[in-house]
Protein backbone atom coordinates (compact mmCIF):
# COMPACT_ATOMS: atom_id res chain seq x y z
CA UNK A 1 107.85 115.60 94.45
CA UNK A 2 106.59 111.79 95.20
CA UNK A 3 102.94 112.91 96.76
CA UNK A 4 102.60 115.36 93.84
CA UNK A 5 103.29 112.48 91.29
CA UNK A 6 100.98 110.20 93.07
CA UNK A 7 98.32 112.58 93.13
CA UNK A 8 98.63 113.34 89.33
CA UNK A 9 98.83 109.69 88.53
CA UNK A 10 95.59 109.13 90.61
CA UNK A 11 93.89 112.23 89.13
CA UNK A 12 94.74 110.81 85.38
CA UNK A 13 93.42 107.33 86.14
CA UNK A 14 90.49 107.78 88.95
CA UNK A 15 87.85 108.91 86.25
CA UNK A 16 88.67 105.98 84.02
CA UNK A 17 88.53 103.06 86.58
CA UNK A 18 87.05 104.50 89.43
CA UNK A 19 88.65 105.23 93.12
CA UNK A 20 88.14 102.04 94.81
CA UNK A 21 89.98 100.12 91.99
CA UNK A 22 92.94 102.89 91.71
CA UNK A 23 93.39 102.64 95.33
CA UNK A 24 93.92 98.85 95.28
CA UNK A 25 96.16 99.11 92.09
CA UNK A 26 98.47 101.50 93.93
CA UNK A 27 99.07 98.93 96.30
CA UNK A 28 99.76 96.01 93.88
CA UNK A 29 102.54 95.45 91.39
CA UNK A 30 102.34 96.97 88.16
CA UNK A 31 103.70 95.51 84.88
CA UNK A 32 104.18 98.85 83.48
CA UNK A 33 106.62 99.55 86.63
CA UNK A 34 108.79 96.38 86.48
CA UNK A 35 106.49 94.57 88.88
CA UNK A 36 106.78 96.88 91.75
CA UNK A 37 103.78 98.80 93.06
CA UNK A 38 103.34 102.79 92.14
CA UNK A 39 104.05 103.40 95.78
CA UNK A 40 107.30 101.46 95.99
CA UNK A 41 107.89 103.16 92.73
CA UNK A 42 107.35 106.51 93.80
CA UNK A 43 109.52 105.88 96.94
CA UNK A 44 112.34 104.87 94.60
CA UNK A 45 111.99 108.16 93.05
CA UNK A 46 110.59 106.88 89.76
CA UNK A 47 107.68 109.44 89.62
CA UNK A 48 108.22 109.82 85.96
CA UNK A 49 107.56 105.94 85.51
CA UNK A 50 104.57 106.17 87.48
CA UNK A 51 103.14 109.09 85.30
CA UNK A 52 104.04 106.93 82.12
CA UNK A 53 102.41 103.94 83.73
CA UNK A 54 99.16 106.04 84.43
CA UNK A 55 99.26 107.39 80.72
CA UNK A 56 99.57 104.01 79.33
CA UNK A 57 96.68 102.81 81.59
CA UNK A 58 94.40 105.63 80.38
CA UNK A 59 95.37 105.06 76.89
CA UNK A 60 94.59 101.35 76.98
CA UNK A 61 98.08 100.34 75.91
CA UNK A 62 99.66 96.97 76.26
CA UNK A 63 102.03 96.50 79.43
CA UNK A 64 103.68 93.51 78.29
């Protein structure tokens, strides 16, 4: 489930921001995820939160 969620989140955002920036983003803290990285969130079984963050990013919603 975790790898599939990461893949779906990546596909959802890669066209919008580019693969290089996406790779860096998966390693850094994310305000949509409570200041943890998407990788950490997936490890914590928070795949739905990662998908919601990806959707928010692609829809250009405010994260604060």
